[in-house]
């Protein structure tokens, strides 16, 4: 599959990009090569191949899920101009 110059200009317009003619030619070649690579990848038979979340057969090291900081809510609320019931009060911005 290839992409023509009109498609590149249309994509640039939708993305609000200004392209020169030289840029459009360059992007046409680049996008066409990407699309041809995708076509090649789609032609590979992947029947019976399980999807991988990680290509390495390793488990991820995870840290213990414990609280490492103290609760400083009251200190943060003390700096706010207005609070109520432990919440920050802010001006209404949407009617």
N, C-alpha and C. Protein backbone atom coordinates (compact mmCIF):
# COMPACT_ATOMS: atom_id res chain seq x y z
N UNK A 1 0.85 -1.18 0.00
CA UNK A 1 0.00 0.00 0.00
C UNK A 1 0.89 1.23 0.00
N UNK A 2 0.53 2.17 -0.82
CA UNK A 2 1.29 3.43 -0.83
C UNK A 2 0.32 4.58 -0.62
N UNK A 3 0.88 5.67 -0.28
CA UNK A 3 0.09 6.86 0.00
C UNK A 3 0.51 7.92 -1.01
N UNK A 4 -0.44 8.67 -1.52
CA UNK A 4 -0.07 9.68 -2.51
C UNK A 4 0.08 11.05 -1.86
N UNK A 5 0.51 11.99 -2.66
CA UNK A 5 0.83 13.32 -2.15
C UNK A 5 -0.42 14.03 -1.61
N UNK A 6 -1.58 13.80 -2.25
CA UNK A 6 -2.82 14.41 -1.77
C UNK A 6 -3.17 13.92 -0.37
N UNK A 7 -2.94 12.63 -0.11
CA UNK A 7 -3.21 12.08 1.22
C UNK A 7 -2.32 12.74 2.27
N UNK A 8 -1.06 12.92 1.93
CA UNK A 8 -0.12 13.56 2.84
C UNK A 8 -0.56 14.99 3.14
N UNK A 9 -0.97 15.72 2.12
CA UNK A 9 -1.41 17.09 2.32
C UNK A 9 -2.70 17.15 3.14
N UNK A 10 -3.58 16.18 2.92
CA UNK A 10 -4.82 16.14 3.70
C UNK A 10 -4.53 15.85 5.17
N UNK A 11 -3.64 14.91 5.43
CA UNK A 11 -3.25 14.58 6.80
C UNK A 11 -2.60 15.80 7.46
N UNK A 12 -1.74 16.48 6.72
CA UNK A 12 -1.07 17.68 7.25
C UNK A 12 -2.10 18.76 7.57
N UNK A 13 -3.09 18.90 6.71
CA UNK A 13 -4.14 19.90 6.96
C UNK A 13 -4.91 19.54 8.22
N UNK A 14 -5.29 18.27 8.37
CA UNK A 14 -6.04 17.85 9.55
C UNK A 14 -5.22 18.02 10.83
N UNK A 15 -3.91 17.84 10.72
CA UNK A 15 -3.03 17.98 11.88
C UNK A 15 -2.57 19.43 12.05
N UNK A 16 -3.04 20.30 11.19
CA UNK A 16 -2.67 21.73 11.23
C UNK A 16 -1.16 21.92 11.11
N UNK A 17 -0.58 21.20 10.15
CA UNK A 17 0.85 21.32 9.87
C UNK A 17 1.05 22.00 8.53
N UNK A 18 2.01 22.88 8.46
CA UNK A 18 2.36 23.53 7.20
C UNK A 18 3.49 22.74 6.55
N UNK A 19 3.24 22.24 5.34
CA UNK A 19 4.25 21.45 4.63
C UNK A 19 4.62 22.14 3.32
N UNK A 20 5.90 22.12 3.03
CA UNK A 20 6.35 22.57 1.71
C UNK A 20 6.22 21.38 0.76
N UNK A 21 6.39 21.63 -0.52
CA UNK A 21 6.31 20.55 -1.51
C UNK A 21 7.39 19.50 -1.27
N UNK A 22 8.59 19.97 -0.89
CA UNK A 22 9.69 19.04 -0.62
C UNK A 22 9.38 18.18 0.59
N UNK A 23 8.80 18.80 1.63
CA UNK A 23 8.42 18.04 2.82
C UNK A 23 7.35 17.02 2.49
N UNK A 24 6.38 17.41 1.67
CA UNK A 24 5.30 16.50 1.30
C UNK A 24 5.86 15.28 0.56
N UNK A 25 6.82 15.50 -0.33
CA UNK A 25 7.45 14.38 -1.03
C UNK A 25 8.17 13.45 -0.06
N UNK A 26 8.89 14.04 0.87
CA UNK A 26 9.64 13.24 1.84
C UNK A 26 8.69 12.44 2.73
N UNK A 27 7.61 13.09 3.22
CA UNK A 27 6.65 12.39 4.07
C UNK A 27 5.89 11.32 3.28
N UNK A 28 5.64 11.56 2.01
CA UNK A 28 4.98 10.55 1.19
C UNK A 28 5.82 9.28 1.13
N UNK A 29 7.12 9.42 0.92
CA UNK A 29 8.00 8.26 0.86
C UNK A 29 8.09 7.58 2.22
N UNK A 30 8.21 8.35 3.28
CA UNK A 30 8.33 7.77 4.63
C UNK A 30 7.07 7.03 5.02
N UNK A 31 5.91 7.65 4.82
CA UNK A 31 4.65 7.00 5.19
C UNK A 31 4.39 5.76 4.34
N UNK A 32 4.74 5.82 3.07
CA UNK A 32 4.56 4.65 2.21
C UNK A 32 5.43 3.49 2.67
N UNK A 33 6.65 3.77 3.09
CA UNK A 33 7.53 2.71 3.56
C UNK A 33 7.02 2.12 4.88
N UNK A 34 6.46 2.95 5.75
CA UNK A 34 5.88 2.44 7.00
C UNK A 34 4.69 1.55 6.70
N UNK A 35 3.83 1.98 5.78
CA UNK A 35 2.65 1.18 5.44
C UNK A 35 3.03 -0.13 4.77
N UNK A 36 4.08 -0.13 3.97
CA UNK A 36 4.51 -1.39 3.35
C UNK A 36 5.10 -2.33 4.40
N UNK A 37 5.78 -1.80 5.40
CA UNK A 37 6.28 -2.63 6.49
C UNK A 37 5.11 -3.25 7.26
N UNK A 38 4.07 -2.47 7.50
CA UNK A 38 2.89 -3.00 8.19
C UNK A 38 2.25 -4.12 7.36
N UNK A 39 2.19 -3.95 6.05
CA UNK A 39 1.65 -5.00 5.18
C UNK A 39 2.47 -6.28 5.29
N UNK A 40 3.80 -6.14 5.31
CA UNK A 40 4.67 -7.31 5.46
C UNK A 40 4.41 -8.01 6.78
N UNK A 41 4.26 -7.24 7.85
CA UNK A 41 4.03 -7.82 9.16
C UNK A 41 2.67 -8.52 9.24
N UNK A 42 1.67 -7.99 8.54
CA UNK A 42 0.36 -8.60 8.55
C UNK A 42 0.33 -9.90 7.76
N UNK A 43 1.24 -10.09 6.84
CA UNK A 43 1.26 -11.30 6.04
C UNK A 43 1.89 -12.48 6.77
N UNK A 44 2.51 -12.26 7.92
CA UNK A 44 3.14 -13.33 8.69
C UNK A 44 2.06 -14.17 9.38
N UNK A 45 2.18 -15.49 9.29
CA UNK A 45 1.23 -16.39 9.93
C UNK A 45 1.53 -16.46 11.43
N UNK A 46 0.59 -16.00 12.24
CA UNK A 46 0.77 -16.00 13.68
C UNK A 46 -0.20 -16.96 14.38
N UNK A 47 -0.75 -17.91 13.63
CA UNK A 47 -1.65 -18.89 14.24
C UNK A 47 -0.88 -19.71 15.27
N UNK A 48 -1.46 -19.85 16.45
CA UNK A 48 -0.84 -20.65 17.49
C UNK A 48 0.22 -19.92 18.29
N UNK A 49 0.44 -18.67 18.01
CA UNK A 49 1.43 -17.90 18.76
C UNK A 49 0.70 -17.10 19.83
N UNK A 50 1.09 -17.31 21.08
CA UNK A 50 0.45 -16.60 22.18
C UNK A 50 1.03 -15.19 22.30
N UNK A 51 0.16 -14.21 22.58
CA UNK A 51 0.68 -12.85 22.78
C UNK A 51 1.54 -12.78 24.04
N UNK A 52 2.56 -11.95 23.97
CA UNK A 52 3.47 -11.79 25.10
C UNK A 52 3.33 -10.40 25.71
N UNK A 53 3.39 -10.34 27.01
CA UNK A 53 3.45 -9.04 27.65
C UNK A 53 4.91 -8.60 27.79
N UNK A 54 5.80 -9.57 27.74
CA UNK A 54 7.23 -9.30 27.86
C UNK A 54 7.97 -10.38 27.07
N UNK A 55 8.85 -10.02 26.16
CA UNK A 55 9.54 -11.03 25.36
C UNK A 55 10.54 -11.86 26.18
N UNK A 56 10.91 -11.38 27.34
CA UNK A 56 11.82 -12.13 28.19
C UNK A 56 11.01 -12.96 29.17
N UNK A 57 11.38 -14.17 29.38
CA UNK A 57 10.65 -15.05 30.30
C UNK A 57 11.06 -14.76 31.73
N UNK A 58 10.78 -13.54 32.18
CA UNK A 58 11.16 -13.12 33.52
C UNK A 58 9.94 -12.51 34.19
N UNK A 59 9.93 -12.54 35.50
CA UNK A 59 8.89 -11.84 36.23
C UNK A 59 9.44 -10.48 36.66
N UNK A 60 8.54 -9.54 36.76
CA UNK A 60 8.95 -8.20 37.14
C UNK A 60 9.11 -8.10 38.65
N UNK A 61 10.21 -7.52 39.07
CA UNK A 61 10.42 -7.32 40.50
C UNK A 61 9.53 -6.19 40.97
N UNK A 62 8.71 -6.46 41.96
CA UNK A 62 7.81 -5.46 42.49
C UNK A 62 8.16 -5.18 43.93
N UNK A 63 7.99 -3.95 44.34
CA UNK A 63 8.23 -3.62 45.73
C UNK A 63 6.97 -3.89 46.53
N UNK A 64 7.13 -3.98 47.82
CA UNK A 64 6.01 -4.21 48.70
C UNK A 64 5.10 -2.99 48.70
N UNK A 65 3.79 -3.20 48.74
CA UNK A 65 2.83 -2.11 48.71
C UNK A 65 2.57 -1.61 50.12
N UNK A 66 3.47 -0.74 50.57
CA UNK A 66 3.34 -0.20 51.93
C UNK A 66 3.42 1.32 51.86
N UNK A 67 2.83 1.99 52.84
CA UNK A 67 2.86 3.44 52.91
C UNK A 67 4.25 3.86 53.37
N UNK A 68 4.86 4.79 52.62
CA UNK A 68 6.22 5.23 52.95
C UNK A 68 6.25 6.69 53.41
N UNK A 69 5.12 7.39 53.32
CA UNK A 69 5.07 8.78 53.75
C UNK A 69 3.96 8.95 54.77
N UNK A 70 4.16 9.93 55.63
CA UNK A 70 3.13 10.19 56.64
C UNK A 70 1.99 11.00 56.03
N UNK A 71 0.84 10.98 56.67
CA UNK A 71 -0.32 11.75 56.22
C UNK A 71 -0.12 13.22 56.56
N UNK A 72 0.01 14.06 55.54
CA UNK A 72 0.24 15.50 55.75
C UNK A 72 -0.95 16.32 55.27
N UNK A 73 -2.12 15.70 55.27
CA UNK A 73 -3.32 16.34 54.76
C UNK A 73 -3.62 17.66 55.50
N UNK A 74 -3.57 17.63 56.81
CA UNK A 74 -3.87 18.84 57.59
C UNK A 74 -2.90 19.96 57.28
N UNK A 75 -1.64 19.65 57.09
CA UNK A 75 -0.64 20.67 56.76
C UNK A 75 -0.93 21.29 55.39
N UNK A 76 -1.34 20.46 54.43
CA UNK A 76 -1.66 20.98 53.09
C UNK A 76 -2.94 21.80 53.12
N UNK A 77 -3.93 21.35 53.85
CA UNK A 77 -5.18 22.10 53.95
C UNK A 77 -4.99 23.43 54.67
N UNK A 78 -4.03 23.51 55.57
CA UNK A 78 -3.77 24.76 56.29
C UNK A 78 -3.31 25.87 55.35
N UNK A 79 -2.71 25.51 54.22
CA UNK A 79 -2.24 26.50 53.25
C UNK A 79 -3.33 26.97 52.30
N UNK A 80 -4.47 26.28 52.25
CA UNK A 80 -5.53 26.62 51.31
C UNK A 80 -6.34 27.80 51.80
N UNK A 81 -6.81 28.66 50.89
CA UNK A 81 -7.61 29.80 51.31
C UNK A 81 -8.96 29.39 51.89
N UNK A 82 -9.58 28.33 51.33
CA UNK A 82 -10.87 27.87 51.82
C UNK A 82 -10.91 26.35 51.83
N UNK A 83 -11.42 25.79 52.93
CA UNK A 83 -11.60 24.34 53.03
C UNK A 83 -12.92 24.06 53.73
N UNK A 84 -13.41 22.86 53.51
CA UNK A 84 -14.62 22.44 54.20
C UNK A 84 -14.63 20.92 54.26
N UNK A 85 -14.79 20.38 55.46
CA UNK A 85 -14.87 18.93 55.68
C UNK A 85 -13.66 18.21 55.09
N UNK A 86 -12.48 18.81 55.21
CA UNK A 86 -11.26 18.17 54.72
C UNK A 86 -11.06 18.26 53.22
N UNK A 87 -11.80 19.13 52.53
CA UNK A 87 -11.69 19.29 51.08
C UNK A 87 -11.31 20.73 50.73
N UNK A 88 -10.65 20.91 49.61
CA UNK A 88 -10.32 22.23 49.10
C UNK A 88 -11.58 22.82 48.45
N UNK A 89 -11.89 24.06 48.74
CA UNK A 89 -12.99 24.75 48.06
C UNK A 89 -12.38 25.65 46.99
N UNK A 90 -12.92 25.53 45.78
CA UNK A 90 -12.43 26.31 44.65
C UNK A 90 -13.59 27.05 44.02
N UNK A 91 -13.32 28.14 43.31
CA UNK A 91 -14.41 28.87 42.64
C UNK A 91 -15.07 28.02 41.57
N UNK A 92 -16.35 28.21 41.38
CA UNK A 92 -17.09 27.50 40.33
C UNK A 92 -16.66 28.05 38.98
N UNK A 93 -16.31 27.18 38.04
CA UNK A 93 -15.84 27.65 36.73
C UNK A 93 -16.79 27.24 35.61
N UNK A 94 -17.68 26.30 35.85
CA UNK A 94 -18.63 25.86 34.82
C UNK A 94 -20.03 26.04 35.38
N UNK A 95 -20.89 26.70 34.59
CA UNK A 95 -22.28 26.90 35.03
C UNK A 95 -23.11 25.68 34.74
